[in-house]
Amino acid sequence: MGRRTYGAHAVVTGAGSGIGRAFAVELARRGGRVVCTDLDRATVEETVAGVKADGGEALAVVGDVSSADDVGDLANAARSWLGRDPDLVVNNAGIGAGGQVVGDVPLADWQRTLGVNLWGVIHGCHTFLPAMRQARAGGVINVASAAGFTSAPRMAAYNVSKAGVVSLSETLAAELSGSGVGVTVLCPTFVRTNIFGGELIDAAARGLAQRLSDLVGFSPERVARRTLDAHDRGRLYVVPQPDAQMLWHAKRLLPTPYARVAGLLGRFVPAPQHKEDR
């Protein structure tokens, strides 16, 4: 607890847009130095340019978090630029996936989704946590999703990846208890970002998700600020929106009825067309 997000030496993955960009900008505004990484060079350099225009300090690093080698290179670049090990890591990078039922989802989609959303977080924790544990200081924020506990139909790969991030974060919180290293996991529902434009999301599911996001979604800036404040207060879970909180409690109080209702609601999502029908 305290103010570890102020003046942090931070690394933010998936910093090219959305929540990742919002984390980077807010951390810089809190006096931090921020290493921003993304697979897209243009967007991450745009984030860094925005931070610098606001008077902050940031470095752009291009890399794929699903690659352990790339995350190792990120750590080396961060240590070189910061002059020390990072004391805050935001494992945010993620991709959207959905629209098909288990058995129809291509295995390549499973592998790519788990590679970025789950293995990306594993790589970040594996790479950066040992130094924090040794220093008995620092913090990790893992970005999961309400999908990690709502388990909506036709989102299996995404759900599994985010459930894994929640479980990993809970395990870390237990392992790091009393160590001086904080762990927070973010589980939002709809945030107004570009994640629904991903190629692994079926067009019908993409359209519905985007409409809901535009209607009820929080801004990424609001989510980032709330999460950083919660991390400073030592909170493990951040479930920022009222709908996420309602689903969180419903799943735990009435697990079997919840699954049945989720299945019924899932039938209102248009089924994806087979390629030969398009």
C-alpha atoms as a PDB file:
ATOM      1  CA  MET A   1       0.000   0.000   0.000  1.00  0.00           C
ATOM      2  CA  GLY A   2       1.018   3.645  -0.335  1.00  0.00           C
ATOM      3  CA  ARG A   3       1.666   5.590  -3.510  1.00  0.00           C
ATOM      4  CA  ARG A   4       3.650   3.124  -5.593  1.00  0.00           C
ATOM      5  CA  THR A   5       1.993   4.331  -8.826  1.00  0.00           C
ATOM      6  CA  TYR A   6       3.426   7.827  -8.250  1.00  0.00           C
ATOM      7  CA  GLY A   7       6.938   8.328  -9.564  1.00  0.00           C
ATOM      8  CA  ALA A   8       7.018   4.723 -10.748  1.00  0.00           C
ATOM      9  CA  HIS A   9       9.595   3.231 -13.066  1.00  0.00           C
ATOM     10  CA  ALA A  10       6.979   1.436 -15.119  1.00  0.00           C
ATOM     11  CA  VAL A  11       6.513  -0.913 -18.039  1.00  0.00           C
ATOM     12  CA  VAL A  12       3.153  -0.997 -19.832  1.00  0.00           C
ATOM     13  CA  THR A  13       2.416  -3.624 -22.475  1.00  0.00           C
ATOM     14  CA  GLY A  14      -0.163  -3.075 -25.191  1.00  0.00           C
ATOM     15  CA  ALA A  15       0.479   0.639 -24.747  1.00  0.00           C
ATOM     16  CA  GLY A  16      -0.311   1.566 -28.334  1.00  0.00           C
ATOM     17  CA  SER A  17      -3.998   2.231 -27.707  1.00  0.00           C
ATOM     18  CA  GLY A  18      -6.945   1.837 -25.363  1.00  0.00           C
ATOM     19  CA  ILE A  19      -6.393   0.967 -21.714  1.00  0.00           C
ATOM     20  CA  GLY A  20      -2.650   0.508 -22.216  1.00  0.00           C
ATOM     21  CA  ARG A  21      -2.240   4.009 -23.593  1.00  0.00           C
ATOM     22  CA  ALA A  22      -4.383   5.382 -20.761  1.00  0.00           C
ATOM     23  CA  PHE A  23      -2.183   3.627 -18.172  1.00  0.00           C
ATOM     24  CA  ALA A  24       0.971   5.036 -19.767  1.00  0.00           C
ATOM     25  CA  VAL A  25      -0.350   8.586 -19.904  1.00  0.00           C
ATOM     26  CA  GLU A  26      -1.679   8.510 -16.332  1.00  0.00           C
ATOM     27  CA  LEU A  27       1.518   7.019 -14.912  1.00  0.00           C
ATOM     28  CA  ALA A  28       3.556   9.735 -16.615  1.00  0.00           C
ATOM     29  CA  ARG A  29       1.212  12.356 -15.169  1.00  0.00           C
ATOM     30  CA  ARG A  30       1.897  10.848 -11.748  1.00  0.00           C
ATOM     31  CA  GLY A  31       5.572  11.607 -12.230  1.00  0.00           C
ATOM     32  CA  GLY A  32       6.613   8.215 -13.525  1.00  0.00           C
ATOM     33  CA  ARG A  33       8.949   7.183 -16.309  1.00  0.00           C
ATOM     34  CA  VAL A  34       7.177   4.754 -18.602  1.00  0.00           C
ATOM     35  CA  VAL A  35       8.446   2.110 -21.000  1.00  0.00           C
ATOM     36  CA  CYS A  36       5.665   1.550 -23.528  1.00  0.00           C
ATOM     37  CA  THR A  37       5.575  -1.565 -25.667  1.00  0.00           C
ATOM     38  CA  ASP A  38       3.283  -2.761 -28.432  1.00  0.00           C
ATOM     39  CA  LEU A  39       3.406  -4.901 -31.549  1.00  0.00           C
ATOM     40  CA  ASP A  40       2.476  -1.862 -33.665  1.00  0.00           C
ATOM     41  CA  ARG A  41       5.365   0.583 -33.947  1.00  0.00           C
ATOM     42  CA  ALA A  42       3.247   3.507 -35.182  1.00  0.00           C
ATOM     43  CA  THR A  43       0.735   3.373 -32.332  1.00  0.00           C
ATOM     44  CA  VAL A  44       3.253   2.920 -29.525  1.00  0.00           C
ATOM     45  CA  GLU A  45       5.341   5.795 -30.854  1.00  0.00           C
ATOM     46  CA  GLU A  46       2.158   7.869 -30.945  1.00  0.00           C
ATOM     47  CA  THR A  47       1.582   7.076 -27.262  1.00  0.00           C
ATOM     48  CA  VAL A  48       5.129   8.080 -26.383  1.00  0.00           C
ATOM     49  CA  ALA A  49       4.817  11.303 -28.382  1.00  0.00           C
ATOM     50  CA  GLY A  50       1.642  12.131 -26.457  1.00  0.00           C
ATOM     51  CA  VAL A  51       3.340  11.480 -23.119  1.00  0.00           C
ATOM     52  CA  LYS A  52       6.271  13.702 -24.064  1.00  0.00           C
ATOM     53  CA  ALA A  53       3.980  16.466 -25.319  1.00  0.00           C
ATOM     54  CA  ASP A  54       2.360  16.381 -21.872  1.00  0.00           C
ATOM     55  CA  GLY A  55       5.764  16.859 -20.234  1.00  0.00           C
ATOM     56  CA  GLY A  56       6.351  13.217 -19.320  1.00  0.00           C
ATOM     57  CA  GLU A  57       9.121  10.723 -20.008  1.00  0.00           C
ATOM     58  CA  ALA A  58       8.508   7.592 -22.054  1.00  0.00           C
ATOM     59  CA  LEU A  59      10.287   5.086 -24.270  1.00  0.00           C
ATOM     60  CA  ALA A  60       8.788   3.087 -27.155  1.00  0.00           C
ATOM     61  CA  VAL A  61       9.727  -0.582 -27.566  1.00  0.00           C
ATOM     62  CA  VAL A  62       8.253  -2.798 -30.285  1.00  0.00           C
ATOM     63  CA  GLY A  63       7.618  -6.422 -29.373  1.00  0.00           C
ATOM     64  CA  ASP A  64       5.206  -9.331 -29.140  1.00  0.00           C
ATOM     65  CA  VAL A  65       4.363 -10.334 -25.560  1.00  0.00           C
ATOM     66  CA  SER A  66       3.518 -13.866 -26.702  1.00  0.00           C
ATOM     67  CA  SER A  67       7.262 -14.296 -27.332  1.00  0.00           C
ATOM     68  CA  ALA A  68       9.406 -14.905 -24.251  1.00  0.00           C
ATOM     69  CA  ASP A  69      12.435 -13.631 -26.188  1.00  0.00           C
ATOM     70  CA  ASP A  70      10.669 -10.361 -27.022  1.00  0.00           C
ATOM     71  CA  VAL A  71       9.706  -9.837 -23.380  1.00  0.00           C
ATOM     72  CA  GLY A  72      13.322 -10.544 -22.402  1.00  0.00           C
ATOM     73  CA  ASP A  73      14.437  -7.882 -24.872  1.00  0.00           C
ATOM     74  CA  LEU A  74      11.833  -5.532 -23.403  1.00  0.00           C
ATOM     75  CA  ALA A  75      13.271  -6.068 -19.921  1.00  0.00           C
ATOM     76  CA  ASN A  76      16.787  -5.302 -21.165  1.00  0.00           C
ATOM     77  CA  ALA A  77      15.612  -2.126 -22.907  1.00  0.00           C
ATOM     78  CA  ALA A  78      13.704  -1.040 -19.806  1.00  0.00           C
ATOM     79  CA  ARG A  79      16.679  -1.567 -17.467  1.00  0.00           C
ATOM     80  CA  SER A  80      18.976   0.300 -19.825  1.00  0.00           C
ATOM     81  CA  TRP A  81      16.674   3.304 -20.194  1.00  0.00           C
ATOM     82  CA  LEU A  82      15.441   3.441 -16.603  1.00  0.00           C
ATOM     83  CA  GLY A  83      18.869   2.744 -15.139  1.00  0.00           C
ATOM     84  CA  ARG A  84      17.311   0.139 -12.848  1.00  0.00           C
ATOM     85  CA  ASP A  85      14.717  -2.622 -12.768  1.00  0.00           C
ATOM     86  CA  PRO A  86      11.105  -1.498 -13.216  1.00  0.00           C
ATOM     87  CA  ASP A  87       9.093  -1.280 -10.000  1.00  0.00           C
ATOM     88  CA  LEU A  88       5.679  -1.405 -11.676  1.00  0.00           C
ATOM     89  CA  VAL A  89       4.595  -3.625 -14.557  1.00  0.00           C
ATOM     90  CA  VAL A  90       1.193  -3.351 -16.220  1.00  0.00           C
ATOM     91  CA  ASN A  91       0.532  -6.525 -18.198  1.00  0.00           C
ATOM     92  CA  ASN A  92      -2.174  -5.114 -20.414  1.00  0.00           C
ATOM     93  CA  ALA A  93      -1.599  -6.396 -23.960  1.00  0.00           C
ATOM     94  CA  GLY A  94      -4.550  -8.375 -25.247  1.00  0.00           C
ATOM     95  CA  ILE A  95      -6.659  -9.257 -28.267  1.00  0.00           C
ATOM     96  CA  GLY A  96     -10.366  -9.949 -28.643  1.00  0.00           C
ATOM     97  CA  ALA A  97     -11.777 -13.265 -29.824  1.00  0.00           C
ATOM     98  CA  GLY A  98     -15.302 -14.585 -30.114  1.00  0.00           C
ATOM     99  CA  GLY A  99     -18.319 -15.575 -32.170  1.00  0.00           C
ATOM    100  CA  GLN A 100     -17.988 -19.358 -32.437  1.00  0.00           C
ATOM    101  CA  VAL A 101     -18.733 -22.304 -30.154  1.00  0.00           C
ATOM    102  CA  VAL A 102     -16.135 -24.738 -28.842  1.00  0.00           C
ATOM    103  CA  GLY A 103     -15.345 -27.211 -31.594  1.00  0.00           C
ATOM    104  CA  ASP A 104     -15.792 -24.611 -34.325  1.00  0.00           C
ATOM    105  CA  VAL A 105     -13.176 -22.188 -33.008  1.00  0.00           C
ATOM    106  CA  PRO A 106     -10.014 -22.851 -35.073  1.00  0.00           C
ATOM    107  CA  LEU A 107      -7.126 -24.133 -32.987  1.00  0.00           C
ATOM    108  CA  ALA A 108      -4.983 -21.359 -34.439  1.00  0.00           C
ATOM    109  CA  ASP A 109      -7.368 -18.832 -32.854  1.00  0.00           C
ATOM    110  CA  TRP A 110      -7.050 -20.593 -29.504  1.00  0.00           C
ATOM    111  CA  GLN A 111      -3.272 -20.516 -29.758  1.00  0.00           C
ATOM    112  CA  ARG A 112      -3.065 -16.853 -30.730  1.00  0.00           C
ATOM    113  CA  THR A 113      -5.569 -15.738 -28.076  1.00  0.00           C
ATOM    114  CA  LEU A 114      -3.898 -17.670 -25.275  1.00  0.00           C
ATOM    115  CA  GLY A 115      -0.480 -16.643 -26.589  1.00  0.00           C
ATOM    116  CA  VAL A 116      -1.169 -12.936 -26.194  1.00  0.00           C
ATOM    117  CA  ASN A 117      -3.774 -12.754 -23.428  1.00  0.00           C
ATOM    118  CA  LEU A 118      -2.423 -15.405 -21.070  1.00  0.00           C
ATOM    119  CA  TRP A 119       1.151 -16.219 -22.047  1.00  0.00           C
ATOM    120  CA  GLY A 120       1.847 -12.500 -22.464  1.00  0.00           C
ATOM    121  CA  VAL A 121       0.960 -11.985 -18.797  1.00  0.00           C
ATOM    122  CA  ILE A 122       2.911 -15.094 -17.751  1.00  0.00           C
ATOM    123  CA  HIS A 123       5.972 -13.834 -19.624  1.00  0.00           C
ATOM    124  CA  GLY A 124       5.669 -10.421 -17.994  1.00  0.00           C
ATOM    125  CA  CYS A 125       5.379 -11.852 -14.489  1.00  0.00           C
ATOM    126  CA  HIS A 126       8.125 -14.433 -15.046  1.00  0.00           C
ATOM    127  CA  THR A 127      10.512 -11.802 -16.370  1.00  0.00           C
ATOM    128  CA  PHE A 128       9.951  -8.846 -14.039  1.00  0.00           C
ATOM    129  CA  LEU A 129       8.829 -10.296 -10.709  1.00  0.00           C
ATOM    130  CA  PRO A 130      12.107 -11.868  -9.486  1.00  0.00           C
ATOM    131  CA  ALA A 131      13.780  -8.454  -9.155  1.00  0.00           C
ATOM    132  CA  MET A 132      10.765  -7.025  -7.326  1.00  0.00           C
ATOM    133  CA  ARG A 133      10.664 -10.011  -4.986  1.00  0.00           C
ATOM    134  CA  GLN A 134      14.358  -9.576  -4.233  1.00  0.00           C
ATOM    135  CA  ALA A 135      13.909  -5.841  -3.634  1.00  0.00           C
ATOM    136  CA  ARG A 136      10.770  -6.507  -1.552  1.00  0.00           C
ATOM    137  CA  ALA A 137       9.084  -3.631  -3.356  1.00  0.00           C
ATOM    138  CA  GLY A 138       7.080  -2.953  -6.483  1.00  0.00           C
ATOM    139  CA  GLY A 139       3.810  -3.922  -8.056  1.00  0.00           C
ATOM    140  CA  VAL A 140       2.142  -5.815 -10.867  1.00  0.00           C
ATOM    141  CA  ILE A 141      -1.184  -4.951 -12.495  1.00  0.00           C
ATOM    142  CA  ASN A 142      -2.620  -7.678 -14.712  1.00  0.00           C
ATOM    143  CA  VAL A 143      -5.433  -6.736 -17.066  1.00  0.00           C
ATOM    144  CA  ALA A 144      -7.992  -9.519 -17.255  1.00  0.00           C
ATOM    145  CA  SER A 145     -11.694  -9.036 -17.980  1.00  0.00           C
ATOM    146  CA  ALA A 146     -15.104  -9.752 -16.520  1.00  0.00           C
ATOM    147  CA  ALA A 147     -15.098 -12.453 -19.213  1.00  0.00           C
ATOM    148  CA  GLY A 148     -12.750 -14.333 -16.894  1.00  0.00           C
ATOM    149  CA  PHE A 149     -15.654 -15.054 -14.559  1.00  0.00           C
ATOM    150  CA  THR A 150     -18.807 -14.427 -16.636  1.00  0.00           C
ATOM    151  CA  SER A 151     -18.002 -17.230 -19.134  1.00  0.00           C
ATOM    152  CA  ALA A 152     -20.372 -16.000 -21.826  1.00  0.00           C
ATOM    153  CA  PRO A 153     -21.168 -18.397 -24.712  1.00  0.00           C
ATOM    154  CA  ARG A 154     -19.167 -18.164 -27.968  1.00  0.00           C
ATOM    155  CA  MET A 155     -16.205 -16.532 -26.241  1.00  0.00           C
ATOM    156  CA  ALA A 156     -14.384 -19.645 -25.033  1.00  0.00           C
ATOM    157  CA  ALA A 157     -10.821 -18.757 -26.039  1.00  0.00           C
ATOM    158  CA  TYR A 158     -11.123 -15.230 -24.675  1.00  0.00           C
ATOM    159  CA  ASN A 159     -12.867 -16.413 -21.490  1.00  0.00           C
ATOM    160  CA  VAL A 160     -10.239 -19.057 -20.806  1.00  0.00           C
ATOM    161  CA  SER A 161      -7.376 -16.634 -21.398  1.00  0.00           C
ATOM    162  CA  LYS A 162      -8.811 -14.071 -18.995  1.00  0.00           C
ATOM    163  CA  ALA A 163      -9.792 -16.642 -16.372  1.00  0.00           C
ATOM    164  CA  GLY A 164      -6.168 -17.747 -16.441  1.00  0.00           C
ATOM    165  CA  VAL A 165      -5.028 -14.180 -15.788  1.00  0.00           C
ATOM    166  CA  VAL A 166      -7.374 -13.938 -12.790  1.00  0.00           C
ATOM    167  CA  SER A 167      -6.110 -17.247 -11.388  1.00  0.00           C
ATOM    168  CA  LEU A 168      -2.475 -16.282 -11.960  1.00  0.00           C
ATOM    169  CA  SER A 169      -3.034 -12.970 -10.164  1.00  0.00           C
ATOM    170  CA  GLU A 170      -4.713 -14.685  -7.206  1.00  0.00           C
ATOM    171  CA  THR A 171      -1.812 -17.128  -6.978  1.00  0.00           C
ATOM    172  CA  LEU A 172       0.711 -14.287  -7.073  1.00  0.00           C
ATOM    173  CA  ALA A 173      -1.174 -12.409  -4.352  1.00  0.00           C
ATOM    174  CA  ALA A 174      -0.790 -15.456  -2.112  1.00  0.00           C
ATOM    175  CA  GLU A 175       2.847 -16.063  -3.002  1.00  0.00           C
ATOM    176  CA  LEU A 176       3.798 -12.398  -2.554  1.00  0.00           C
ATOM    177  CA  SER A 177       1.822 -11.759   0.629  1.00  0.00           C
ATOM    178  CA  GLY A 178       4.024  -9.845   3.049  1.00  0.00           C
ATOM    179  CA  SER A 179       6.778  -9.413   0.478  1.00  0.00           C
ATOM    180  CA  GLY A 180       6.188  -5.730  -0.231  1.00  0.00           C
ATOM    181  CA  VAL A 181       5.149  -6.482  -3.829  1.00  0.00           C
ATOM    182  CA  GLY A 182       1.543  -5.667  -4.678  1.00  0.00           C
ATOM    183  CA  VAL A 183      -0.720  -7.463  -7.153  1.00  0.00           C
ATOM    184  CA  THR A 184      -3.898  -6.135  -8.744  1.00  0.00           C
ATOM    185  CA  VAL A 185      -6.083  -7.725 -11.406  1.00  0.00           C
ATOM    186  CA  LEU A 186      -8.446  -5.594 -13.488  1.00  0.00           C
ATOM    187  CA  CYS A 187     -11.748  -7.193 -14.571  1.00  0.00           C
ATOM    188  CA  PRO A 188     -13.843  -4.706 -16.581  1.00  0.00           C
ATOM    189  CA  THR A 189     -16.798  -5.333 -18.844  1.00  0.00           C
ATOM    190  CA  PHE A 190     -17.078  -2.835 -21.687  1.00  0.00           C
ATOM    191  CA  VAL A 191     -14.386  -0.210 -22.185  1.00  0.00           C
ATOM    192  CA  ARG A 192     -14.403   2.110 -25.176  1.00  0.00           C
ATOM    193  CA  THR A 193     -11.346   0.761 -26.996  1.00  0.00           C
ATOM    194  CA  ASN A 194     -10.601  -0.802 -30.390  1.00  0.00           C
ATOM    195  CA  ILE A 195     -10.378  -4.388 -29.082  1.00  0.00           C
ATOM    196  CA  PHE A 196     -13.629  -5.379 -30.803  1.00  0.00           C
ATOM    197  CA  GLY A 197     -12.093  -4.695 -34.203  1.00  0.00           C
ATOM    198  CA  GLY A 198      -9.841  -7.737 -33.924  1.00  0.00           C
ATOM    199  CA  GLU A 199      -9.770 -10.270 -36.743  1.00  0.00           C
ATOM    200  CA  LEU A 200     -10.531 -13.156 -34.351  1.00  0.00           C
ATOM    201  CA  ILE A 201     -13.986 -11.749 -33.549  1.00  0.00           C
ATOM    202  CA  ASP A 202     -16.864 -12.791 -35.801  1.00  0.00           C
ATOM    203  CA  ALA A 203     -18.606  -9.865 -37.516  1.00  0.00           C
ATOM    204  CA  ALA A 204     -21.955 -10.448 -35.772  1.00  0.00           C
ATOM    205  CA  ALA A 205     -20.376 -10.639 -32.316  1.00  0.00           C
ATOM    206  CA  ARG A 206     -18.158  -7.665 -33.138  1.00  0.00           C
ATOM    207  CA  GLY A 207     -21.104  -5.473 -34.026  1.00  0.00           C
ATOM    208  CA  LEU A 208     -23.057  -6.321 -30.870  1.00  0.00           C
ATOM    209  CA  ALA A 209     -20.049  -5.853 -28.596  1.00  0.00           C
ATOM    210  CA  GLN A 210     -19.172  -2.527 -30.194  1.00  0.00           C
ATOM    211  CA  ARG A 211     -22.731  -1.215 -29.794  1.00  0.00           C
ATOM    212  CA  LEU A 212     -22.789  -2.212 -26.119  1.00  0.00           C
ATOM    213  CA  SER A 213     -19.391  -0.651 -25.574  1.00  0.00           C
ATOM    214  CA  ASP A 214     -20.478   2.622 -27.154  1.00  0.00           C
ATOM    215  CA  LEU A 215     -23.663   2.609 -25.066  1.00  0.00           C
ATOM    216  CA  VAL A 216     -22.459   1.651 -21.577  1.00  0.00           C
ATOM    217  CA  GLY A 217     -18.670   1.403 -21.773  1.00  0.00           C
ATOM    218  CA  PHE A 218     -16.332   3.337 -19.494  1.00  0.00           C
ATOM    219  CA  SER A 219     -13.536   5.408 -20.973  1.00  0.00           C
ATOM    220  CA  PRO A 220     -10.080   3.791 -20.786  1.00  0.00           C
ATOM    221  CA  GLU A 221      -8.814   6.829 -18.859  1.00  0.00           C
ATOM    222  CA  ARG A 222     -11.419   6.326 -16.140  1.00  0.00           C
ATOM    223  CA  VAL A 223     -10.584   2.632 -15.855  1.00  0.00           C
ATOM    224  CA  ALA A 224      -6.833   3.263 -15.699  1.00  0.00           C
ATOM    225  CA  ARG A 225      -7.132   5.914 -12.981  1.00  0.00           C
ATOM    226  CA  ARG A 226      -9.449   3.755 -10.895  1.00  0.00           C
ATOM    227  CA  THR A 227      -7.135   0.759 -11.213  1.00  0.00           C
ATOM    228  CA  LEU A 228      -3.990   2.674 -10.275  1.00  0.00           C
ATOM    229  CA  ASP A 229      -5.739   4.172  -7.250  1.00  0.00           C
ATOM    230  CA  ALA A 230      -6.918   0.692  -6.206  1.00  0.00           C
ATOM    231  CA  HIS A 231      -3.391  -0.668  -6.585  1.00  0.00           C
ATOM    232  CA  ASP A 232      -2.119   2.062  -4.278  1.00  0.00           C
ATOM    233  CA  ARG A 233      -4.726   0.985  -1.712  1.00  0.00           C
ATOM    234  CA  GLY A 234      -3.521  -2.612  -1.898  1.00  0.00           C
ATOM    235  CA  ARG A 235      -6.598  -4.031  -3.586  1.00  0.00           C
ATOM    236  CA  LEU A 236      -6.355  -7.334  -5.447  1.00  0.00           C
ATOM    237  CA  TYR A 237      -9.538  -7.126  -7.521  1.00  0.00           C
ATOM    238  CA  VAL A 238     -10.742  -4.141  -9.539  1.00  0.00           C
ATOM    239  CA  VAL A 239     -14.225  -4.715 -10.955  1.00  0.00           C
ATOM    240  CA  PRO A 240     -14.960  -1.146 -12.036  1.00  0.00           C
ATOM    241  CA  GLN A 241     -18.437  -1.129 -13.568  1.00  0.00           C
ATOM    242  CA  PRO A 242     -21.815  -1.796 -11.917  1.00  0.00           C
ATOM    243  CA  ASP A 243     -22.713  -4.486 -14.464  1.00  0.00           C
ATOM    244  CA  ALA A 244     -19.418  -6.282 -13.830  1.00  0.00           C
ATOM    245  CA  GLN A 245     -20.032  -6.150 -10.077  1.00  0.00           C
ATOM    246  CA  MET A 246     -23.558  -7.505 -10.486  1.00  0.00           C
ATOM    247  CA  LEU A 247     -22.332 -10.420 -12.605  1.00  0.00           C
ATOM    248  CA  TRP A 248     -19.488 -11.063 -10.158  1.00  0.00           C
ATOM    249  CA  HIS A 249     -21.929 -11.540  -7.284  1.00  0.00           C
ATOM    250  CA  ALA A 250     -24.529 -13.429  -9.327  1.00  0.00           C
ATOM    251  CA  LYS A 251     -21.974 -15.989 -10.489  1.00  0.00           C
ATOM    252  CA  ARG A 252     -20.847 -16.659  -6.942  1.00  0.00           C
ATOM    253  CA  LEU A 253     -24.262 -16.742  -5.284  1.00  0.00           C
ATOM    254  CA  LEU A 254     -26.171 -18.692  -7.951  1.00  0.00           C
ATOM    255  CA  PRO A 255     -23.658 -20.506 -10.177  1.00  0.00           C
ATOM    256  CA  THR A 256     -26.002 -23.058 -11.778  1.00  0.00           C
ATOM    257  CA  PRO A 257     -28.892 -20.653 -12.553  1.00  0.00           C
ATOM    258  CA  TYR A 258     -26.307 -18.172 -13.798  1.00  0.00           C
ATOM    259  CA  ALA A 259     -24.982 -20.648 -16.382  1.00  0.00           C
ATOM    260  CA  ARG A 260     -28.499 -21.427 -17.605  1.00  0.00           C
ATOM    261  CA  VAL A 261     -29.401 -17.753 -17.991  1.00  0.00           C
ATOM    262  CA  ALA A 262     -26.114 -17.038 -19.778  1.00  0.00           C
ATOM    263  CA  GLY A 263     -26.907 -19.830 -22.221  1.00  0.00           C
ATOM    264  CA  LEU A 264     -30.367 -18.434 -22.917  1.00  0.00           C
ATOM    265  CA  LEU A 265     -29.050 -14.932 -23.475  1.00  0.00           C
ATOM    266  CA  GLY A 266     -26.337 -16.308 -25.754  1.00  0.00           C
ATOM    267  CA  ARG A 267     -29.006 -17.465 -28.179  1.00  0.00           C
ATOM    268  CA  PHE A 268     -29.822 -13.848 -28.988  1.00  0.00           C
ATOM    269  CA  VAL A 269     -26.375 -13.364 -30.522  1.00  0.00           C
ATOM    270  CA  PRO A 270     -26.594 -14.108 -34.265  1.00  0.00           C
ATOM    271  CA  ALA A 271     -24.739 -17.295 -35.144  1.00  0.00           C
ATOM    272  CA  PRO A 272     -21.781 -16.807 -37.483  1.00  0.00           C
ATOM    273  CA  GLN A 273     -22.313 -17.806 -41.079  1.00  0.00           C
ATOM    274  CA  HIS A 274     -20.212 -20.561 -42.614  1.00  0.00           C
ATOM    275  CA  LYS A 275     -17.767 -19.322 -45.203  1.00  0.00           C
ATOM    276  CA  GLU A 276     -19.587 -21.065 -48.026  1.00  0.00           C
ATOM    277  CA  ASP A 277     -22.740 -19.096 -47.155  1.00  0.00           C
ATOM    278  CA  ARG A 278     -21.044 -15.704 -47.412  1.00  0.00           C
END
